[in-house]
Amino acid sequence: MKTLSTVHGAISIVNAIATGQGSALGISLETCAEVTLTSDNLVEVIINNDKSENIGLAQECFKLVKMKTSESCGAKITVNSDIPIGRGLKSSSAAATAIVLSCLKAFEIVMTEKEILDLSVQASKNSGVTITGALVDAAACFLGGLVVTNNSSNELLSRVIIDDDYSILIHV
């Protein structure tokens, strides 16, 4: 079975590095993750917008979701994104969350939003792509709107839906 999930990027409002608390705002740039389970135990990762990008995050997302099952399988994971990598637009958090969502769909696992965010953040930590734990980034990407989090205690403190009529200019 092939599954597809789409998650948006985000921008930081308050960076969480200094205090552990941060704020971010979801934006309309997208990352799509497609997962197809395979009969072997291999995890093939294709990142179409940047072939040189490290595949460790995708492999970690799959590993963490697979641990929730008794399945013996591998996967082909394909990531397509219009979020520029390494520009502060939360490309890693968007990718992690999209991959986790697609893996959950592939295994037919239902989780709460909090559990999905926890898996995404854990994959980011385990693969070394985050300094703060990335909860604020993952929450803004997954939930959209304006979010405020305490990354130290892994809590979503606030979420505000932002009117779609606003436009922002991002220079990268």
N, C-alpha and C. Protein backbone atom coordinates (compact mmCIF):
# COMPACT_ATOMS: atom_id res chain seq x y z
N MET A 1 0.84 -1.18 0.00
CA MET A 1 0.00 0.00 0.00
C MET A 1 0.89 1.24 0.00
N LYS A 2 0.53 2.22 -0.80
CA LYS A 2 1.25 3.48 -0.90
C LYS A 2 0.45 4.54 -0.15
N THR A 3 1.13 5.27 0.74
CA THR A 3 0.46 6.34 1.49
C THR A 3 1.16 7.66 1.22
N LEU A 4 0.42 8.74 1.34
CA LEU A 4 0.96 10.07 1.08
C LEU A 4 0.49 11.02 2.16
N SER A 5 1.40 11.81 2.68
CA SER A 5 1.07 12.84 3.67
C SER A 5 1.78 14.13 3.31
N THR A 6 1.10 15.24 3.55
CA THR A 6 1.66 16.56 3.25
C THR A 6 1.65 17.40 4.52
N VAL A 7 2.76 18.06 4.78
CA VAL A 7 2.92 18.94 5.93
C VAL A 7 3.56 20.23 5.43
N HIS A 8 3.23 21.34 6.06
CA HIS A 8 3.74 22.64 5.65
C HIS A 8 5.00 23.03 6.41
N GLY A 9 5.70 24.02 5.89
CA GLY A 9 6.86 24.58 6.57
C GLY A 9 6.42 25.59 7.62
N ALA A 10 7.38 26.27 8.22
CA ALA A 10 7.08 27.26 9.25
C ALA A 10 8.25 28.24 9.36
N ILE A 11 8.01 29.33 10.07
CA ILE A 11 9.07 30.29 10.38
C ILE A 11 9.08 30.50 11.89
N SER A 12 10.26 30.76 12.43
CA SER A 12 10.38 31.04 13.86
C SER A 12 9.93 32.46 14.15
N ILE A 13 9.19 32.60 15.24
CA ILE A 13 8.85 33.91 15.77
C ILE A 13 9.79 34.19 16.95
N VAL A 14 9.87 33.22 17.88
CA VAL A 14 10.82 33.27 18.99
C VAL A 14 11.58 31.96 18.99
N ASN A 15 12.89 32.03 18.83
CA ASN A 15 13.72 30.83 18.81
C ASN A 15 13.81 30.25 20.22
N ALA A 16 13.70 28.93 20.33
CA ALA A 16 13.66 28.25 21.63
C ALA A 16 15.04 27.87 22.17
N ILE A 17 16.10 28.19 21.46
CA ILE A 17 17.43 27.77 21.91
C ILE A 17 17.78 28.36 23.28
N ALA A 18 17.53 29.64 23.49
CA ALA A 18 17.96 30.31 24.72
C ALA A 18 17.19 29.87 25.96
N THR A 19 15.87 29.76 25.85
CA THR A 19 15.05 29.53 27.05
C THR A 19 14.32 28.19 27.06
N GLY A 20 14.31 27.51 25.94
CA GLY A 20 13.54 26.27 25.85
C GLY A 20 12.10 26.52 25.42
N GLN A 21 11.69 27.78 25.43
CA GLN A 21 10.34 28.13 24.97
C GLN A 21 10.46 28.87 23.65
N GLY A 22 9.52 28.57 22.74
CA GLY A 22 9.59 29.19 21.44
C GLY A 22 8.23 29.36 20.81
N SER A 23 8.23 30.05 19.69
CA SER A 23 7.01 30.30 18.94
C SER A 23 7.33 30.22 17.46
N ALA A 24 6.40 29.68 16.69
CA ALA A 24 6.58 29.57 15.24
C ALA A 24 5.24 29.71 14.55
N LEU A 25 5.30 30.01 13.27
CA LEU A 25 4.12 30.24 12.46
C LEU A 25 4.18 29.37 11.22
N GLY A 26 3.12 28.61 10.97
CA GLY A 26 3.04 27.77 9.78
C GLY A 26 2.95 28.61 8.52
N ILE A 27 3.57 28.12 7.44
CA ILE A 27 3.53 28.80 6.14
C ILE A 27 3.03 27.81 5.09
N SER A 28 2.81 28.30 3.87
CA SER A 28 2.17 27.45 2.87
C SER A 28 3.11 26.55 2.07
N LEU A 29 4.43 26.71 2.20
CA LEU A 29 5.34 25.79 1.50
C LEU A 29 5.12 24.38 2.03
N GLU A 30 5.26 23.37 1.15
CA GLU A 30 4.87 22.00 1.51
C GLU A 30 5.99 20.98 1.35
N THR A 31 5.90 19.95 2.19
CA THR A 31 6.70 18.74 2.04
C THR A 31 5.73 17.57 1.99
N CYS A 32 5.91 16.71 1.00
CA CYS A 32 5.08 15.51 0.86
C CYS A 32 5.96 14.28 1.04
N ALA A 33 5.47 13.34 1.82
CA ALA A 33 6.18 12.08 2.02
C ALA A 33 5.28 10.94 1.56
N GLU A 34 5.86 10.08 0.73
CA GLU A 34 5.15 8.90 0.23
C GLU A 34 5.86 7.67 0.79
N VAL A 35 5.09 6.76 1.36
CA VAL A 35 5.67 5.54 1.95
C VAL A 35 4.98 4.33 1.34
N THR A 36 5.79 3.39 0.88
CA THR A 36 5.31 2.10 0.42
C THR A 36 6.03 1.03 1.22
N LEU A 37 5.28 0.19 1.91
CA LEU A 37 5.90 -0.90 2.66
C LEU A 37 6.39 -1.96 1.70
N THR A 38 7.54 -2.57 2.02
CA THR A 38 8.14 -3.60 1.18
C THR A 38 8.34 -4.87 1.99
N SER A 39 8.56 -5.98 1.29
CA SER A 39 8.66 -7.28 1.96
C SER A 39 10.03 -7.53 2.60
N ASP A 40 11.03 -6.72 2.23
CA ASP A 40 12.36 -6.90 2.84
C ASP A 40 12.48 -5.99 4.07
N ASN A 41 13.60 -6.01 4.73
CA ASN A 41 13.80 -5.15 5.89
C ASN A 41 14.61 -3.90 5.56
N LEU A 42 14.74 -3.59 4.28
CA LEU A 42 15.51 -2.43 3.86
C LEU A 42 14.63 -1.18 3.85
N VAL A 43 15.25 -0.03 4.13
CA VAL A 43 14.55 1.24 4.05
C VAL A 43 15.25 2.08 2.98
N GLU A 44 14.59 2.22 1.84
CA GLU A 44 15.11 3.03 0.74
C GLU A 44 14.52 4.43 0.85
N VAL A 45 15.37 5.44 0.81
CA VAL A 45 14.92 6.82 0.94
C VAL A 45 15.35 7.61 -0.28
N ILE A 46 14.38 8.29 -0.89
CA ILE A 46 14.64 9.16 -2.04
C ILE A 46 14.17 10.56 -1.67
N ILE A 47 15.09 11.51 -1.67
CA ILE A 47 14.74 12.90 -1.40
C ILE A 47 14.90 13.65 -2.72
N ASN A 48 13.79 13.87 -3.39
CA ASN A 48 13.83 14.37 -4.76
C ASN A 48 14.38 15.77 -4.92
N ASN A 49 14.14 16.66 -3.97
CA ASN A 49 14.60 18.04 -4.16
C ASN A 49 16.07 18.25 -3.79
N ASP A 50 16.69 17.28 -3.10
CA ASP A 50 18.11 17.39 -2.76
C ASP A 50 18.68 16.00 -2.56
N LYS A 51 19.24 15.46 -3.63
CA LYS A 51 19.76 14.08 -3.60
C LYS A 51 20.90 13.90 -2.59
N SER A 52 21.57 15.00 -2.19
CA SER A 52 22.68 14.90 -1.25
C SER A 52 22.24 14.97 0.21
N GLU A 53 20.96 15.22 0.45
CA GLU A 53 20.46 15.36 1.82
C GLU A 53 20.61 14.05 2.59
N ASN A 54 20.93 14.15 3.87
CA ASN A 54 21.09 12.99 4.74
C ASN A 54 19.76 12.26 4.90
N ILE A 55 19.79 10.94 4.74
CA ILE A 55 18.56 10.14 4.81
C ILE A 55 18.29 9.60 6.21
N GLY A 56 19.16 9.92 7.17
CA GLY A 56 19.03 9.40 8.53
C GLY A 56 17.72 9.75 9.20
N LEU A 57 17.21 10.96 8.98
CA LEU A 57 15.95 11.38 9.59
C LEU A 57 14.80 10.50 9.11
N ALA A 58 14.72 10.26 7.82
CA ALA A 58 13.65 9.42 7.27
C ALA A 58 13.74 8.00 7.81
N GLN A 59 14.95 7.46 7.88
CA GLN A 59 15.13 6.11 8.42
C GLN A 59 14.71 6.04 9.88
N GLU A 60 15.02 7.07 10.64
CA GLU A 60 14.66 7.10 12.07
C GLU A 60 13.15 7.20 12.24
N CYS A 61 12.48 8.00 11.42
CA CYS A 61 11.02 8.10 11.47
C CYS A 61 10.39 6.73 11.26
N PHE A 62 10.85 6.03 10.22
CA PHE A 62 10.30 4.71 9.93
C PHE A 62 10.56 3.75 11.08
N LYS A 63 11.78 3.77 11.61
CA LYS A 63 12.15 2.86 12.70
C LYS A 63 11.24 3.07 13.92
N LEU A 64 11.01 4.33 14.30
CA LEU A 64 10.19 4.61 15.48
C LEU A 64 8.74 4.18 15.29
N VAL A 65 8.20 4.40 14.10
CA VAL A 65 6.82 3.97 13.84
C VAL A 65 6.74 2.45 13.78
N LYS A 66 7.69 1.82 13.10
CA LYS A 66 7.70 0.36 12.97
C LYS A 66 7.76 -0.32 14.34
N MET A 67 8.45 0.31 15.30
CA MET A 67 8.54 -0.25 16.65
C MET A 67 7.18 -0.35 17.33
N LYS A 68 6.20 0.37 16.84
CA LYS A 68 4.84 0.33 17.40
C LYS A 68 4.05 -0.86 16.86
N THR A 69 4.65 -1.63 15.96
CA THR A 69 3.97 -2.76 15.33
C THR A 69 4.77 -4.05 15.55
N SER A 70 4.20 -5.14 15.10
CA SER A 70 4.93 -6.41 15.11
C SER A 70 5.32 -6.79 13.68
N GLU A 71 5.21 -5.84 12.76
CA GLU A 71 5.49 -6.09 11.35
C GLU A 71 6.97 -6.34 11.10
N SER A 72 7.24 -7.19 10.14
CA SER A 72 8.61 -7.41 9.66
C SER A 72 8.63 -6.98 8.21
N CYS A 73 9.06 -5.75 7.98
CA CYS A 73 9.04 -5.21 6.62
C CYS A 73 10.01 -4.05 6.51
N GLY A 74 10.18 -3.59 5.31
CA GLY A 74 10.95 -2.40 5.03
C GLY A 74 10.05 -1.38 4.37
N ALA A 75 10.66 -0.38 3.76
CA ALA A 75 9.85 0.66 3.13
C ALA A 75 10.65 1.39 2.06
N LYS A 76 9.90 1.93 1.12
CA LYS A 76 10.44 2.91 0.18
C LYS A 76 9.81 4.23 0.58
N ILE A 77 10.64 5.20 0.94
CA ILE A 77 10.17 6.51 1.37
C ILE A 77 10.64 7.54 0.36
N THR A 78 9.70 8.27 -0.22
CA THR A 78 10.02 9.32 -1.18
C THR A 78 9.55 10.65 -0.62
N VAL A 79 10.45 11.62 -0.62
CA VAL A 79 10.14 12.95 -0.09
C VAL A 79 10.26 13.97 -1.21
N ASN A 80 9.21 14.76 -1.37
CA ASN A 80 9.19 15.88 -2.32
C ASN A 80 8.87 17.13 -1.53
N SER A 81 9.63 18.20 -1.75
CA SER A 81 9.42 19.40 -0.96
C SER A 81 9.71 20.65 -1.76
N ASP A 82 8.93 21.70 -1.49
CA ASP A 82 9.26 23.00 -2.05
C ASP A 82 9.80 23.93 -0.95
N ILE A 83 10.16 23.34 0.20
CA ILE A 83 10.77 24.09 1.30
C ILE A 83 12.29 24.05 1.13
N PRO A 84 12.93 25.20 0.96
CA PRO A 84 14.39 25.21 0.83
C PRO A 84 15.05 24.64 2.09
N ILE A 85 16.03 23.78 1.91
CA ILE A 85 16.73 23.15 3.03
C ILE A 85 17.77 24.10 3.59
N GLY A 86 17.86 24.15 4.93
CA GLY A 86 18.89 24.95 5.58
C GLY A 86 18.66 26.44 5.55
N ARG A 87 17.42 26.87 5.42
CA ARG A 87 17.10 28.29 5.35
C ARG A 87 16.20 28.75 6.50
N GLY A 88 16.02 27.93 7.52
CA GLY A 88 15.21 28.33 8.66
C GLY A 88 13.72 28.18 8.45
N LEU A 89 13.31 27.44 7.44
CA LEU A 89 11.89 27.29 7.13
C LEU A 89 11.34 25.94 7.61
N LYS A 90 12.06 25.31 8.51
CA LYS A 90 11.64 24.08 9.21
C LYS A 90 11.47 22.89 8.28
N SER A 91 12.37 22.79 7.30
CA SER A 91 12.29 21.68 6.34
C SER A 91 12.44 20.32 7.02
N SER A 92 13.31 20.22 8.01
CA SER A 92 13.50 18.93 8.70
C SER A 92 12.27 18.55 9.51
N SER A 93 11.69 19.52 10.22
CA SER A 93 10.49 19.24 11.01
C SER A 93 9.32 18.87 10.11
N ALA A 94 9.19 19.56 8.99
CA ALA A 94 8.12 19.23 8.05
C ALA A 94 8.33 17.83 7.48
N ALA A 95 9.57 17.51 7.12
CA ALA A 95 9.86 16.18 6.58
C ALA A 95 9.60 15.10 7.62
N ALA A 96 10.09 15.30 8.84
CA ALA A 96 9.89 14.30 9.89
C ALA A 96 8.42 14.04 10.13
N THR A 97 7.65 15.10 10.22
CA THR A 97 6.23 14.94 10.52
C THR A 97 5.49 14.30 9.35
N ALA A 98 5.80 14.69 8.13
CA ALA A 98 5.16 14.08 6.96
C ALA A 98 5.51 12.60 6.85
N ILE A 99 6.77 12.26 7.11
CA ILE A 99 7.18 10.85 7.04
C ILE A 99 6.52 10.04 8.13
N VAL A 100 6.49 10.56 9.36
CA VAL A 100 5.81 9.85 10.45
C VAL A 100 4.35 9.63 10.10
N LEU A 101 3.67 10.65 9.60
CA LEU A 101 2.26 10.51 9.22
C LEU A 101 2.06 9.44 8.16
N SER A 102 2.90 9.44 7.13
CA SER A 102 2.77 8.45 6.06
C SER A 102 3.05 7.04 6.57
N CYS A 103 4.05 6.91 7.44
CA CYS A 103 4.35 5.59 8.02
C CYS A 103 3.18 5.09 8.87
N LEU A 104 2.61 5.98 9.67
CA LEU A 104 1.45 5.59 10.49
C LEU A 104 0.30 5.12 9.61
N LYS A 105 0.04 5.84 8.52
CA LYS A 105 -1.01 5.43 7.58
C LYS A 105 -0.70 4.07 6.97
N ALA A 106 0.56 3.86 6.59
CA ALA A 106 0.96 2.60 5.96
C ALA A 106 0.73 1.42 6.90
N PHE A 107 1.01 1.61 8.17
CA PHE A 107 0.81 0.55 9.16
C PHE A 107 -0.60 0.56 9.75
N GLU A 108 -1.42 1.51 9.30
CA GLU A 108 -2.80 1.67 9.78
C GLU A 108 -2.85 1.87 11.29
N ILE A 109 -1.96 2.73 11.77
CA ILE A 109 -1.90 3.09 13.19
C ILE A 109 -2.54 4.46 13.36
N VAL A 110 -3.41 4.58 14.35
CA VAL A 110 -4.05 5.86 14.65
C VAL A 110 -3.43 6.40 15.94
N MET A 111 -3.02 7.65 15.91
CA MET A 111 -2.42 8.30 17.07
C MET A 111 -3.01 9.69 17.25
N THR A 112 -2.87 10.21 18.46
CA THR A 112 -3.29 11.59 18.72
C THR A 112 -2.28 12.55 18.10
N GLU A 113 -2.67 13.80 17.98
CA GLU A 113 -1.74 14.82 17.46
C GLU A 113 -0.49 14.89 18.33
N LYS A 114 -0.66 14.82 19.64
CA LYS A 114 0.47 14.87 20.57
C LYS A 114 1.42 13.70 20.36
N GLU A 115 0.88 12.51 20.17
CA GLU A 115 1.71 11.33 19.94
C GLU A 115 2.48 11.44 18.62
N ILE A 116 1.82 11.99 17.61
CA ILE A 116 2.47 12.19 16.31
C ILE A 116 3.62 13.18 16.46
N LEU A 117 3.37 14.29 17.15
CA LEU A 117 4.43 15.27 17.38
C LEU A 117 5.58 14.67 18.18
N ASP A 118 5.25 13.87 19.20
CA ASP A 118 6.29 13.23 20.01
C ASP A 118 7.19 12.33 19.16
N LEU A 119 6.59 11.55 18.26
CA LEU A 119 7.39 10.69 17.37
C LEU A 119 8.27 11.51 16.44
N SER A 120 7.71 12.56 15.89
CA SER A 120 8.46 13.43 14.98
C SER A 120 9.64 14.08 15.70
N VAL A 121 9.40 14.59 16.89
CA VAL A 121 10.46 15.23 17.68
C VAL A 121 11.52 14.20 18.07
N GLN A 122 11.10 13.01 18.48
CA GLN A 122 12.07 11.98 18.86
C GLN A 122 12.94 11.58 17.68
N ALA A 123 12.34 11.45 16.51
CA ALA A 123 13.12 11.12 15.31
C ALA A 123 14.13 12.22 15.00
N SER A 124 13.72 13.48 15.17
CA SER A 124 14.62 14.61 14.93
C SER A 124 15.78 14.60 15.93
N LYS A 125 15.47 14.33 17.19
CA LYS A 125 16.52 14.24 18.21
C LYS A 125 17.47 13.08 17.91
N ASN A 126 16.90 11.91 17.66
CA ASN A 126 17.71 10.72 17.44
C ASN A 126 18.64 10.85 16.24
N SER A 127 18.18 11.56 15.21
CA SER A 127 18.98 11.70 13.99
C SER A 127 19.89 12.93 14.01
N GLY A 128 19.80 13.72 15.08
CA GLY A 128 20.70 14.86 15.23
C GLY A 128 20.40 16.08 14.40
N VAL A 129 19.15 16.26 13.99
CA VAL A 129 18.81 17.42 13.16
C VAL A 129 18.21 18.58 13.96
N THR A 130 18.21 18.48 15.30
CA THR A 130 17.63 19.54 16.11
C THR A 130 18.50 19.87 17.30
N ILE A 131 18.47 21.12 17.70
CA ILE A 131 19.17 21.57 18.90
C ILE A 131 18.19 21.57 20.07
N THR A 132 16.99 22.11 19.83
CA THR A 132 16.02 22.33 20.92
C THR A 132 15.04 21.18 21.11
N GLY A 133 15.00 20.24 20.21
CA GLY A 133 13.99 19.20 20.26
C GLY A 133 12.93 19.38 19.21
N ALA A 134 12.85 20.58 18.65
CA ALA A 134 12.02 20.87 17.48
C ALA A 134 10.52 20.77 17.70
N LEU A 135 10.05 20.70 18.95
CA LEU A 135 8.60 20.65 19.16
C LEU A 135 7.91 21.87 18.57
N VAL A 136 8.45 23.04 18.80
CA VAL A 136 7.82 24.25 18.28
C VAL A 136 7.75 24.21 16.76
N ASP A 137 8.81 23.74 16.13
CA ASP A 137 8.84 23.67 14.67
C ASP A 137 7.86 22.62 14.15
N ALA A 138 7.90 21.43 14.74
CA ALA A 138 7.01 20.35 14.31
C ALA A 138 5.55 20.73 14.51
N ALA A 139 5.24 21.39 15.63
CA ALA A 139 3.86 21.79 15.90
C ALA A 139 3.36 22.81 14.88
N ALA A 140 4.20 23.79 14.55
CA ALA A 140 3.80 24.80 13.56
C ALA A 140 3.61 24.16 12.19
N CYS A 141 4.49 23.23 11.84
CA CYS A 141 4.38 22.55 10.54
C CYS A 141 3.13 21.68 10.48
N PHE A 142 2.88 20.92 11.52
CA PHE A 142 1.79 19.95 11.54
C PHE A 142 0.43 20.59 11.80
N LEU A 143 0.37 21.47 12.79
CA LEU A 143 -0.92 22.05 13.20
C LEU A 143 -1.25 23.33 12.45
N GLY A 144 -0.23 24.03 11.96
CA GLY A 144 -0.45 25.31 11.31
C GLY A 144 -0.75 26.40 12.32
N GLY A 145 -0.93 27.60 11.81
CA GLY A 145 -1.21 28.73 12.69
C GLY A 145 0.02 29.15 13.47
N LEU A 146 -0.21 29.88 14.54
CA LEU A 146 0.84 30.36 15.43
C LEU A 146 0.86 29.46 16.65
N VAL A 147 2.01 28.88 16.96
CA VAL A 147 2.12 28.00 18.13
C VAL A 147 3.18 28.53 19.08
N VAL A 148 2.95 28.27 20.36
CA VAL A 148 3.92 28.57 21.41
C VAL A 148 4.13 27.28 22.17
N THR A 149 5.40 26.89 22.37
CA THR A 149 5.68 25.63 23.06
C THR A 149 6.75 25.83 24.12
N ASN A 150 6.76 24.89 25.05
CA ASN A 150 7.87 24.74 25.98
C ASN A 150 8.58 23.47 25.55
N ASN A 151 9.65 23.61 24.82
CA ASN A 151 10.37 22.44 24.32
C ASN A 151 11.02 21.66 25.45
N SER A 152 11.38 22.35 26.55
CA SER A 152 12.02 21.67 27.68
C SER A 152 11.09 20.67 28.34
N SER A 153 9.81 21.03 28.47
CA SER A 153 8.84 20.12 29.09
C SER A 153 7.97 19.42 28.05
N ASN A 154 8.27 19.65 26.76
CA ASN A 154 7.54 19.01 25.66
C ASN A 154 6.04 19.32 25.69
N GLU A 155 5.72 20.60 25.89
CA GLU A 155 4.32 21.03 25.98
C GLU A 155 3.96 22.05 24.91
N LEU A 156 2.78 21.86 24.34
CA LEU A 156 2.19 22.87 23.47
C LEU A 156 1.43 23.82 24.38
N LEU A 157 1.88 25.07 24.48
CA LEU A 157 1.28 26.03 25.40
C LEU A 157 0.11 26.77 24.78
N SER A 158 0.19 27.04 23.47
CA SER A 158 -0.85 27.82 22.82
C SER A 158 -0.82 27.58 21.32
N ARG A 159 -2.00 27.66 20.72
CA ARG A 159 -2.11 27.61 19.26
C ARG A 159 -3.21 28.56 18.84
N VAL A 160 -2.90 29.42 17.89
CA VAL A 160 -3.86 30.39 17.37
C VAL A 160 -3.94 30.20 15.86
N ILE A 161 -5.16 30.05 15.36
CA ILE A 161 -5.38 29.95 13.92
C ILE A 161 -5.21 31.35 13.32
N ILE A 162 -4.43 31.44 12.25
CA ILE A 162 -4.19 32.72 11.59
C ILE A 162 -5.02 32.78 10.31
N ASP A 163 -5.65 33.91 10.08
CA ASP A 163 -6.47 34.12 8.89
C ASP A 163 -5.64 33.87 7.63
N ASP A 164 -6.19 33.14 6.68
CA ASP A 164 -5.49 32.81 5.43
C ASP A 164 -5.24 34.01 4.53
N ASP A 165 -5.82 35.15 4.84
CA ASP A 165 -5.68 36.31 3.97
C ASP A 165 -4.35 37.05 4.12
N TYR A 166 -3.53 36.66 5.08
CA TYR A 166 -2.24 37.32 5.27
C TYR A 166 -1.22 36.77 4.30
N SER A 167 -0.35 37.65 3.84
CA SER A 167 0.76 37.24 2.99
C SER A 167 2.05 37.66 3.68
N ILE A 168 3.07 36.83 3.54
CA ILE A 168 4.39 37.20 4.05
C ILE A 168 5.40 37.04 2.93
N LEU A 169 6.46 37.80 3.01
CA LEU A 169 7.54 37.70 2.05
C LEU A 169 8.73 37.07 2.76
N ILE A 170 9.24 36.00 2.19
CA ILE A 170 10.39 35.30 2.77
C ILE A 170 11.54 35.43 1.79
N HIS A 171 12.64 35.98 2.26
CA HIS A 171 13.84 36.12 1.43
C HIS A 171 14.87 35.10 1.90
N VAL A 172 15.25 34.17 1.03
CA VAL A 172 16.25 33.16 1.41
C VAL A 172 17.49 33.28 0.55
